[in-house]
Amino acid sequence: MATSTKKEQRRDARERLHAERQAQARRAKVRSRLLVGGSVAAALALATGVGVFASNSSGSDGDSEAAGKPFVQPSNTTGKGGIVIPYGKADAQHVLTVWLDPRCPFCAGVETGLGATIKEQADAGAYRVEYRMASFLDKALGGGKGSKRAVNALGAAVNESPEKFMEYLQVLFKNHPEKESDDKFGSTATLLELADQVPGLRTPAFNQAVKELTYMPWVEKSGQAFYDENINGTPSVFIDGTLIKLNSGKGIESITPDAFKQLVADNQKK
């Protein structure tokens, strides 16, 4: 009987050691994903288990700020649940799809480096842009409210107009915290203060929506779509459904506007 017990103890110890090694491997994969800021799906695909991490990070938390609020879809949004924020000419032949998380520094690099070019090309009719907002970093970083509250504020901006959204998006990323762990955008006072940089944005409706978190159920719906559509990280940018890499590989820096234009042209569906 004693021999059997020792065997069971050794087996249990081996199983615990194996489980701990697996847990360590999963944590390492999560850290790796955060270190690259989820910059592009192609890079993330190099690590296994990303899909499991994403699916386990989805859904609303029990203390979600969306709880108990009615669903309100911002004006000027489209798609199921209004998760698409379109900009540009509706009849444009091509579509540039851009997934962003407000706390992602690599998104800041792309938007500050290429945002003006994207707007310029959309205004010229080269394509229409469909922005989609993720908010996985609040939970992935172990807490915080900056991603979701910033997306809520962006919802309030697009409710004013697509042009106001584009301007406010640029302001947020130009004032982005250097580290993902900095929950700067978790402060509604900060979000309102930054909105002062967009002429005409601070309407009573905008102020109320930011302060009262009016669009949080919409934020949750948009964030869930990030997982449902198996997007592996942010920024994820597609031209006519083809993923293109906009990070230069030098920190959070984006590729050049000329390189971006060429990349778009090379991958457009004819």
C-alpha atoms as a PDB file:
ATOM      1  CA  MET A   1       0.000   0.000   0.000  1.00  0.00           C
ATOM      2  CA  ALA A   2       2.851   2.340   0.906  1.00  0.00           C
ATOM      3  CA  THR A   3       4.584   1.632  -2.454  1.00  0.00           C
ATOM      4  CA  SER A   4       1.395   2.439  -4.330  1.00  0.00           C
ATOM      5  CA  THR A   5       1.037   5.730  -2.457  1.00  0.00           C
ATOM      6  CA  LYS A   6       4.598   6.756  -3.303  1.00  0.00           C
ATOM      7  CA  LYS A   7       3.987   5.980  -6.981  1.00  0.00           C
ATOM      8  CA  GLU A   8       0.854   8.078  -6.911  1.00  0.00           C
ATOM      9  CA  GLN A   9       2.717  10.912  -5.216  1.00  0.00           C
ATOM     10  CA  ARG A  10       5.474  10.802  -7.837  1.00  0.00           C
ATOM     11  CA  ARG A  11       2.883  10.715 -10.620  1.00  0.00           C
ATOM     12  CA  ASP A  12       1.007  13.654  -9.071  1.00  0.00           C
ATOM     13  CA  ALA A  13       4.267  15.595  -8.770  1.00  0.00           C
ATOM     14  CA  ARG A  14       5.101  14.947 -12.433  1.00  0.00           C
ATOM     15  CA  GLU A  15       1.621  16.070 -13.468  1.00  0.00           C
ATOM     16  CA  ARG A  16       1.916  19.255 -11.395  1.00  0.00           C
ATOM     17  CA  LEU A  17       5.317  19.997 -12.910  1.00  0.00           C
ATOM     18  CA  HIS A  18       3.954  19.414 -16.428  1.00  0.00           C
ATOM     19  CA  ALA A  19       0.958  21.676 -15.741  1.00  0.00           C
ATOM     20  CA  GLU A  20       3.196  24.431 -14.373  1.00  0.00           C
ATOM     21  CA  ARG A  21       5.475  24.239 -17.430  1.00  0.00           C
ATOM     22  CA  GLN A  22       2.453  24.539 -19.686  1.00  0.00           C
ATOM     23  CA  ALA A  23       1.219  27.531 -17.688  1.00  0.00           C
ATOM     24  CA  GLN A  24       4.659  29.164 -17.931  1.00  0.00           C
ATOM     25  CA  ALA A  25       4.673  28.600 -21.694  1.00  0.00           C
ATOM     26  CA  ARG A  26       1.241  30.209 -22.021  1.00  0.00           C
ATOM     27  CA  ARG A  27       2.343  33.209 -19.953  1.00  0.00           C
ATOM     28  CA  ALA A  28       5.457  33.565 -22.104  1.00  0.00           C
ATOM     29  CA  LYS A  29       3.304  33.618 -25.239  1.00  0.00           C
ATOM     30  CA  VAL A  30       1.073  36.296 -23.741  1.00  0.00           C
ATOM     31  CA  ARG A  31       4.092  38.418 -22.777  1.00  0.00           C
ATOM     32  CA  SER A  32       5.518  37.986 -26.259  1.00  0.00           C
ATOM     33  CA  ARG A  33       2.257  39.153 -27.795  1.00  0.00           C
ATOM     34  CA  LEU A  34       2.138  42.231 -25.596  1.00  0.00           C
ATOM     35  CA  LEU A  35       5.781  43.096 -26.220  1.00  0.00           C
ATOM     36  CA  VAL A  36       5.136  43.362 -29.934  1.00  0.00           C
ATOM     37  CA  GLY A  37       1.969  45.275 -29.155  1.00  0.00           C
ATOM     38  CA  GLY A  38       0.015  42.871 -31.306  1.00  0.00           C
ATOM     39  CA  SER A  39       1.579  44.777 -34.170  1.00  0.00           C
ATOM     40  CA  VAL A  40       0.573  42.514 -37.065  1.00  0.00           C
ATOM     41  CA  ALA A  41      -1.153  39.189 -37.442  1.00  0.00           C
ATOM     42  CA  ALA A  42       1.746  37.763 -39.465  1.00  0.00           C
ATOM     43  CA  ALA A  43       4.176  38.313 -36.601  1.00  0.00           C
ATOM     44  CA  LEU A  44       1.770  36.965 -34.037  1.00  0.00           C
ATOM     45  CA  ALA A  45       1.231  33.811 -36.066  1.00  0.00           C
ATOM     46  CA  LEU A  46       4.813  32.837 -35.243  1.00  0.00           C
ATOM     47  CA  ALA A  47       3.691  32.039 -31.704  1.00  0.00           C
ATOM     48  CA  THR A  48       1.304  29.165 -31.090  1.00  0.00           C
ATOM     49  CA  GLY A  49      -1.664  29.550 -28.779  1.00  0.00           C
ATOM     50  CA  VAL A  50      -2.503  33.110 -29.811  1.00  0.00           C
ATOM     51  CA  GLY A  51      -6.022  32.133 -30.820  1.00  0.00           C
ATOM     52  CA  VAL A  52      -6.593  30.498 -27.425  1.00  0.00           C
ATOM     53  CA  PHE A  53      -5.337  33.636 -25.696  1.00  0.00           C
ATOM     54  CA  ALA A  54      -7.650  35.800 -27.775  1.00  0.00           C
ATOM     55  CA  SER A  55     -10.721  33.673 -27.180  1.00  0.00           C
ATOM     56  CA  ASN A  56     -10.038  33.535 -23.462  1.00  0.00           C
ATOM     57  CA  SER A  57      -9.754  37.319 -23.354  1.00  0.00           C
ATOM     58  CA  SER A  58     -13.075  38.025 -25.012  1.00  0.00           C
ATOM     59  CA  GLY A  59     -16.400  38.923 -23.536  1.00  0.00           C
ATOM     60  CA  SER A  60     -17.488  41.371 -20.873  1.00  0.00           C
ATOM     61  CA  ASP A  61     -16.139  41.269 -17.363  1.00  0.00           C
ATOM     62  CA  GLY A  62     -18.534  41.053 -14.461  1.00  0.00           C
ATOM     63  CA  ASP A  63     -17.739  44.640 -13.514  1.00  0.00           C
ATOM     64  CA  SER A  64     -18.081  45.918 -17.089  1.00  0.00           C
ATOM     65  CA  GLU A  65     -19.018  49.568 -17.355  1.00  0.00           C
ATOM     66  CA  ALA A  66     -21.494  48.516 -20.036  1.00  0.00           C
ATOM     67  CA  ALA A  67     -23.569  46.573 -17.517  1.00  0.00           C
ATOM     68  CA  GLY A  68     -27.134  47.822 -17.260  1.00  0.00           C
ATOM     69  CA  LYS A  69     -26.766  50.389 -20.024  1.00  0.00           C
ATOM     70  CA  PRO A  70     -29.020  50.359 -23.090  1.00  0.00           C
ATOM     71  CA  PHE A  71     -27.345  49.711 -26.427  1.00  0.00           C
ATOM     72  CA  VAL A  72     -26.903  52.974 -28.338  1.00  0.00           C
ATOM     73  CA  GLN A  73     -25.346  52.877 -31.791  1.00  0.00           C
ATOM     74  CA  PRO A  74     -23.400  56.015 -32.708  1.00  0.00           C
ATOM     75  CA  SER A  75     -24.656  57.854 -35.745  1.00  0.00           C
ATOM     76  CA  ASN A  76     -22.623  57.443 -38.940  1.00  0.00           C
ATOM     77  CA  THR A  77     -21.612  53.851 -38.135  1.00  0.00           C
ATOM     78  CA  THR A  78     -22.535  50.835 -40.262  1.00  0.00           C
ATOM     79  CA  GLY A  79     -22.423  47.053 -40.194  1.00  0.00           C
ATOM     80  CA  LYS A  80     -24.022  44.668 -37.732  1.00  0.00           C
ATOM     81  CA  GLY A  81     -24.246  46.484 -34.417  1.00  0.00           C
ATOM     82  CA  GLY A  82     -22.646  49.550 -35.968  1.00  0.00           C
ATOM     83  CA  ILE A  83     -19.127  48.218 -35.424  1.00  0.00           C
ATOM     84  CA  VAL A  84     -17.840  49.757 -38.673  1.00  0.00           C
ATOM     85  CA  ILE A  85     -16.792  53.410 -38.698  1.00  0.00           C
ATOM     86  CA  PRO A  86     -16.615  54.347 -42.387  1.00  0.00           C
ATOM     87  CA  TYR A  87     -14.704  57.251 -43.826  1.00  0.00           C
ATOM     88  CA  GLY A  88     -14.514  58.287 -47.466  1.00  0.00           C
ATOM     89  CA  LYS A  89     -16.688  57.883 -50.521  1.00  0.00           C
ATOM     90  CA  ALA A  90     -19.307  55.151 -50.126  1.00  0.00           C
ATOM     91  CA  ASP A  91     -18.946  54.102 -53.763  1.00  0.00           C
ATOM     92  CA  ALA A  92     -15.161  53.725 -53.647  1.00  0.00           C
ATOM     93  CA  GLN A  93     -14.051  50.577 -55.469  1.00  0.00           C
ATOM     94  CA  HIS A  94     -11.603  49.475 -52.784  1.00  0.00           C
ATOM     95  CA  VAL A  95     -11.836  49.108 -48.991  1.00  0.00           C
ATOM     96  CA  LEU A  96      -9.093  49.642 -46.421  1.00  0.00           C
ATOM     97  CA  THR A  97     -10.044  47.924 -43.148  1.00  0.00           C
ATOM     98  CA  VAL A  98      -8.180  49.121 -40.059  1.00  0.00           C
ATOM     99  CA  TRP A  99      -8.393  47.467 -36.617  1.00  0.00           C
ATOM    100  CA  LEU A 100      -7.018  49.564 -33.742  1.00  0.00           C
ATOM    101  CA  ASP A 101      -6.825  49.413 -29.951  1.00  0.00           C
ATOM    102  CA  PRO A 102      -6.362  52.857 -28.350  1.00  0.00           C
ATOM    103  CA  ARG A 103      -3.772  51.565 -25.865  1.00  0.00           C
ATOM    104  CA  CYS A 104      -1.634  49.908 -28.561  1.00  0.00           C
ATOM    105  CA  PRO A 105       1.600  51.875 -29.208  1.00  0.00           C
ATOM    106  CA  PHE A 106       2.055  50.216 -32.604  1.00  0.00           C
ATOM    107  CA  CYS A 107      -1.368  51.585 -33.582  1.00  0.00           C
ATOM    108  CA  ALA A 108      -0.110  55.001 -32.527  1.00  0.00           C
ATOM    109  CA  GLY A 109       2.934  54.551 -34.763  1.00  0.00           C
ATOM    110  CA  VAL A 110       0.779  53.672 -37.761  1.00  0.00           C
ATOM    111  CA  GLU A 111      -1.773  56.426 -37.201  1.00  0.00           C
ATOM    112  CA  THR A 112       0.770  59.178 -36.578  1.00  0.00           C
ATOM    113  CA  GLY A 113       2.915  58.015 -39.488  1.00  0.00           C
ATOM    114  CA  LEU A 114       0.199  57.194 -42.014  1.00  0.00           C
ATOM    115  CA  GLY A 115      -3.060  58.693 -40.742  1.00  0.00           C
ATOM    116  CA  ALA A 116      -2.796  61.818 -42.886  1.00  0.00           C
ATOM    117  CA  THR A 117      -1.991  59.718 -45.973  1.00  0.00           C
ATOM    118  CA  ILE A 118      -4.911  57.375 -45.320  1.00  0.00           C
ATOM    119  CA  LYS A 119      -7.272  60.343 -45.023  1.00  0.00           C
ATOM    120  CA  GLU A 120      -5.835  61.977 -48.129  1.00  0.00           C
ATOM    121  CA  GLN A 121      -6.262  58.844 -50.236  1.00  0.00           C
ATOM    122  CA  ALA A 122      -9.767  58.214 -48.912  1.00  0.00           C
ATOM    123  CA  ASP A 123     -10.746  61.815 -49.699  1.00  0.00           C
ATOM    124  CA  ALA A 124      -9.434  61.279 -53.233  1.00  0.00           C
ATOM    125  CA  GLY A 125     -11.562  58.143 -53.644  1.00  0.00           C
ATOM    126  CA  ALA A 126      -8.686  55.652 -53.807  1.00  0.00           C
ATOM    127  CA  TYR A 127     -10.587  53.569 -51.240  1.00  0.00           C
ATOM    128  CA  ARG A 128     -12.968  54.027 -48.353  1.00  0.00           C
ATOM    129  CA  VAL A 129     -11.715  53.281 -44.866  1.00  0.00           C
ATOM    130  CA  GLU A 130     -13.568  51.040 -42.444  1.00  0.00           C
ATOM    131  CA  TYR A 131     -12.224  51.579 -38.945  1.00  0.00           C
ATOM    132  CA  ARG A 132     -12.982  48.902 -36.371  1.00  0.00           C
ATOM    133  CA  MET A 133     -12.118  49.334 -32.733  1.00  0.00           C
ATOM    134  CA  ALA A 134     -10.706  46.658 -30.445  1.00  0.00           C
ATOM    135  CA  SER A 135     -10.244  46.986 -26.690  1.00  0.00           C
ATOM    136  CA  PHE A 136      -8.452  43.791 -25.661  1.00  0.00           C
ATOM    137  CA  LEU A 137      -5.515  45.510 -23.973  1.00  0.00           C
ATOM    138  CA  ASP A 138      -7.491  46.565 -20.891  1.00  0.00           C
ATOM    139  CA  LYS A 139      -7.917  42.931 -19.922  1.00  0.00           C
ATOM    140  CA  ALA A 140      -4.721  41.610 -21.502  1.00  0.00           C
ATOM    141  CA  LEU A 141      -2.619  44.024 -19.458  1.00  0.00           C
ATOM    142  CA  GLY A 142      -4.251  42.908 -16.235  1.00  0.00           C
ATOM    143  CA  GLY A 143      -6.658  45.784 -15.802  1.00  0.00           C
ATOM    144  CA  GLY A 144      -7.419  49.338 -16.750  1.00  0.00           C
ATOM    145  CA  LYS A 145     -10.138  51.215 -18.590  1.00  0.00           C
ATOM    146  CA  GLY A 146      -8.242  53.204 -21.212  1.00  0.00           C
ATOM    147  CA  SER A 147      -8.990  51.120 -24.286  1.00  0.00           C
ATOM    148  CA  LYS A 148     -12.728  50.895 -23.726  1.00  0.00           C
ATOM    149  CA  ARG A 149     -13.187  54.452 -22.503  1.00  0.00           C
ATOM    150  CA  ALA A 150     -11.228  55.800 -25.457  1.00  0.00           C
ATOM    151  CA  VAL A 151     -13.337  53.738 -27.877  1.00  0.00           C
ATOM    152  CA  ASN A 152     -16.445  55.098 -26.159  1.00  0.00           C
ATOM    153  CA  ALA A 153     -15.130  58.638 -26.720  1.00  0.00           C
ATOM    154  CA  LEU A 154     -14.380  57.811 -30.354  1.00  0.00           C
ATOM    155  CA  GLY A 155     -17.965  56.600 -30.659  1.00  0.00           C
ATOM    156  CA  ALA A 156     -19.090  59.962 -29.333  1.00  0.00           C
ATOM    157  CA  ALA A 157     -16.865  61.644 -31.937  1.00  0.00           C
ATOM    158  CA  VAL A 158     -18.219  59.671 -34.900  1.00  0.00           C
ATOM    159  CA  ASN A 159     -21.707  60.409 -33.610  1.00  0.00           C
ATOM    160  CA  GLU A 160     -20.849  64.048 -34.375  1.00  0.00           C
ATOM    161  CA  SER A 161     -19.381  63.245 -37.822  1.00  0.00           C
ATOM    162  CA  PRO A 162     -16.852  60.953 -39.543  1.00  0.00           C
ATOM    163  CA  GLU A 163     -14.588  63.985 -39.981  1.00  0.00           C
ATOM    164  CA  LYS A 164     -14.623  64.694 -36.243  1.00  0.00           C
ATOM    165  CA  PHE A 165     -13.821  61.036 -35.614  1.00  0.00           C
ATOM    166  CA  MET A 166     -10.806  61.187 -37.915  1.00  0.00           C
ATOM    167  CA  GLU A 167      -9.494  64.328 -36.256  1.00  0.00           C
ATOM    168  CA  TYR A 168     -10.021  62.995 -32.742  1.00  0.00           C
ATOM    169  CA  LEU A 169      -8.407  59.674 -33.618  1.00  0.00           C
ATOM    170  CA  GLN A 170      -5.281  61.533 -34.683  1.00  0.00           C
ATOM    171  CA  VAL A 171      -5.289  63.627 -31.505  1.00  0.00           C
ATOM    172  CA  LEU A 172      -5.542  60.559 -29.276  1.00  0.00           C
ATOM    173  CA  PHE A 173      -2.677  58.754 -30.950  1.00  0.00           C
ATOM    174  CA  LYS A 174      -0.490  61.849 -31.065  1.00  0.00           C
ATOM    175  CA  ASN A 175      -0.960  62.046 -27.294  1.00  0.00           C
ATOM    176  CA  HIS A 176      -0.633  58.318 -26.750  1.00  0.00           C
ATOM    177  CA  PRO A 177       1.176  57.095 -23.607  1.00  0.00           C
ATOM    178  CA  GLU A 178       4.589  55.635 -24.318  1.00  0.00           C
ATOM    179  CA  LYS A 179       3.806  52.371 -22.547  1.00  0.00           C
ATOM    180  CA  GLU A 180       0.780  50.104 -22.946  1.00  0.00           C
ATOM    181  CA  SER A 181       0.686  49.771 -19.156  1.00  0.00           C
ATOM    182  CA  ASP A 182      -0.009  53.505 -18.780  1.00  0.00           C
ATOM    183  CA  ASP A 183      -3.797  53.778 -18.488  1.00  0.00           C
ATOM    184  CA  LYS A 184      -3.840  57.460 -19.494  1.00  0.00           C
ATOM    185  CA  PHE A 185      -7.051  57.147 -21.496  1.00  0.00           C
ATOM    186  CA  GLY A 186      -8.842  55.643 -18.504  1.00  0.00           C
ATOM    187  CA  SER A 187      -9.511  59.214 -17.384  1.00  0.00           C
ATOM    188  CA  THR A 188     -12.605  60.752 -18.976  1.00  0.00           C
ATOM    189  CA  ALA A 189     -11.235  64.161 -17.961  1.00  0.00           C
ATOM    190  CA  THR A 190      -8.162  63.492 -20.116  1.00  0.00           C
ATOM    191  CA  LEU A 191     -10.299  62.339 -23.048  1.00  0.00           C
ATOM    192  CA  LEU A 192     -12.386  65.511 -22.823  1.00  0.00           C
ATOM    193  CA  GLU A 193      -9.304  67.700 -22.515  1.00  0.00           C
ATOM    194  CA  LEU A 194      -7.799  66.159 -25.652  1.00  0.00           C
ATOM    195  CA  ALA A 195     -11.105  66.694 -27.460  1.00  0.00           C
ATOM    196  CA  ASP A 196     -10.533  70.447 -27.065  1.00  0.00           C
ATOM    197  CA  GLN A 197      -7.946  70.072 -29.835  1.00  0.00           C
ATOM    198  CA  VAL A 198     -10.705  69.223 -32.334  1.00  0.00           C
ATOM    199  CA  PRO A 199     -12.648  72.405 -33.187  1.00  0.00           C
ATOM    200  CA  GLY A 200     -16.357  71.983 -32.571  1.00  0.00           C
ATOM    201  CA  LEU A 201     -16.160  68.498 -31.052  1.00  0.00           C
ATOM    202  CA  ARG A 202     -17.025  69.476 -27.478  1.00  0.00           C
ATOM    203  CA  THR A 203     -20.790  69.607 -27.962  1.00  0.00           C
ATOM    204  CA  PRO A 204     -23.117  68.905 -25.023  1.00  0.00           C
ATOM    205  CA  ALA A 205     -23.939  65.512 -26.572  1.00  0.00           C
ATOM    206  CA  PHE A 206     -20.265  64.607 -26.916  1.00  0.00           C
ATOM    207  CA  ASN A 207     -19.440  65.703 -23.367  1.00  0.00           C
ATOM    208  CA  GLN A 208     -22.348  63.751 -21.929  1.00  0.00           C
ATOM    209  CA  ALA A 209     -21.509  60.576 -23.859  1.00  0.00           C
ATOM    210  CA  VAL A 210     -17.880  60.648 -22.686  1.00  0.00           C
ATOM    211  CA  LYS A 211     -18.751  61.368 -19.062  1.00  0.00           C
ATOM    212  CA  GLU A 212     -21.652  58.920 -18.842  1.00  0.00           C
ATOM    213  CA  LEU A 213     -20.018  56.208 -20.998  1.00  0.00           C
ATOM    214  CA  THR A 214     -23.084  56.149 -23.227  1.00  0.00           C
ATOM    215  CA  TYR A 215     -21.607  53.903 -25.911  1.00  0.00           C
ATOM    216  CA  MET A 216     -20.081  51.205 -23.685  1.00  0.00           C
ATOM    217  CA  PRO A 217     -22.436  48.433 -24.902  1.00  0.00           C
ATOM    218  CA  TRP A 218     -21.404  49.376 -28.451  1.00  0.00           C
ATOM    219  CA  VAL A 219     -17.763  49.251 -27.345  1.00  0.00           C
ATOM    220  CA  GLU A 220     -18.308  45.722 -26.026  1.00  0.00           C
ATOM    221  CA  LYS A 221     -19.968  44.639 -29.277  1.00  0.00           C
ATOM    222  CA  SER A 222     -17.114  46.020 -31.340  1.00  0.00           C
ATOM    223  CA  GLY A 223     -14.556  44.420 -29.038  1.00  0.00           C
ATOM    224  CA  GLN A 224     -16.285  41.050 -29.297  1.00  0.00           C
ATOM    225  CA  ALA A 225     -16.193  41.264 -33.100  1.00  0.00           C
ATOM    226  CA  PHE A 226     -12.390  41.437 -32.846  1.00  0.00           C
ATOM    227  CA  TYR A 227     -12.428  37.887 -31.455  1.00  0.00           C
ATOM    228  CA  ASP A 228     -15.323  36.615 -33.550  1.00  0.00           C
ATOM    229  CA  GLU A 229     -13.471  37.591 -36.734  1.00  0.00           C
ATOM    230  CA  ASN A 230     -10.236  35.996 -35.490  1.00  0.00           C
ATOM    231  CA  ILE A 231      -8.175  39.171 -35.675  1.00  0.00           C
ATOM    232  CA  ASN A 232      -4.866  38.343 -34.016  1.00  0.00           C
ATOM    233  CA  GLY A 233      -3.598  41.769 -32.997  1.00  0.00           C
ATOM    234  CA  THR A 234      -3.564  45.482 -33.612  1.00  0.00           C
ATOM    235  CA  PRO A 235      -2.974  47.275 -35.823  1.00  0.00           C
ATOM    236  CA  SER A 236      -4.405  44.847 -38.366  1.00  0.00           C
ATOM    237  CA  VAL A 237      -4.856  46.497 -41.740  1.00  0.00           C
ATOM    238  CA  PHE A 238      -6.378  44.916 -44.847  1.00  0.00           C
ATOM    239  CA  ILE A 239      -6.803  46.223 -48.383  1.00  0.00           C
ATOM    240  CA  ASP A 240      -9.676  44.427 -50.099  1.00  0.00           C
ATOM    241  CA  GLY A 241      -9.344  41.634 -47.547  1.00  0.00           C
ATOM    242  CA  THR A 242      -5.569  41.149 -47.888  1.00  0.00           C
ATOM    243  CA  LEU A 243      -3.516  41.745 -44.749  1.00  0.00           C
ATOM    244  CA  ILE A 244      -0.716  44.280 -45.199  1.00  0.00           C
ATOM    245  CA  LYS A 245       2.106  45.028 -42.766  1.00  0.00           C
ATOM    246  CA  LEU A 246       2.485  48.698 -41.924  1.00  0.00           C
ATOM    247  CA  ASN A 247       5.071  48.522 -39.149  1.00  0.00           C
ATOM    248  CA  SER A 248       8.630  49.245 -40.253  1.00  0.00           C
ATOM    249  CA  GLY A 249      10.172  46.824 -37.768  1.00  0.00           C
ATOM    250  CA  LYS A 250      11.934  49.722 -36.027  1.00  0.00           C
ATOM    251  CA  GLY A 251      10.081  50.109 -32.748  1.00  0.00           C
ATOM    252  CA  ILE A 252       6.585  51.458 -33.274  1.00  0.00           C
ATOM    253  CA  GLU A 253       7.563  53.360 -36.411  1.00  0.00           C
ATOM    254  CA  SER A 254       5.396  52.843 -39.498  1.00  0.00           C
ATOM    255  CA  ILE A 255       6.557  52.348 -43.048  1.00  0.00           C
ATOM    256  CA  THR A 256       6.818  55.518 -45.149  1.00  0.00           C
ATOM    257  CA  PRO A 257       3.756  57.033 -46.866  1.00  0.00           C
ATOM    258  CA  ASP A 258       5.235  56.177 -50.277  1.00  0.00           C
ATOM    259  CA  ALA A 259       5.839  52.569 -49.240  1.00  0.00           C
ATOM    260  CA  PHE A 260       2.287  52.410 -47.915  1.00  0.00           C
ATOM    261  CA  LYS A 261       0.811  53.688 -51.169  1.00  0.00           C
ATOM    262  CA  GLN A 262       2.791  51.120 -53.128  1.00  0.00           C
ATOM    263  CA  LEU A 263       1.745  48.337 -50.780  1.00  0.00           C
ATOM    264  CA  VAL A 264      -1.903  49.291 -51.188  1.00  0.00           C
ATOM    265  CA  ALA A 265      -1.590  49.451 -54.975  1.00  0.00           C
ATOM    266  CA  ASP A 266       0.143  46.059 -55.136  1.00  0.00           C
ATOM    267  CA  ASN A 267      -2.578  44.330 -53.101  1.00  0.00           C
ATOM    268  CA  GLN A 268      -5.760  45.917 -54.438  1.00  0.00           C
ATOM    269  CA  LYS A 269      -8.141  43.559 -56.164  1.00  0.00           C
ATOM    270  CA  LYS A 270      -8.253  44.371 -59.853  1.00  0.00           C
END
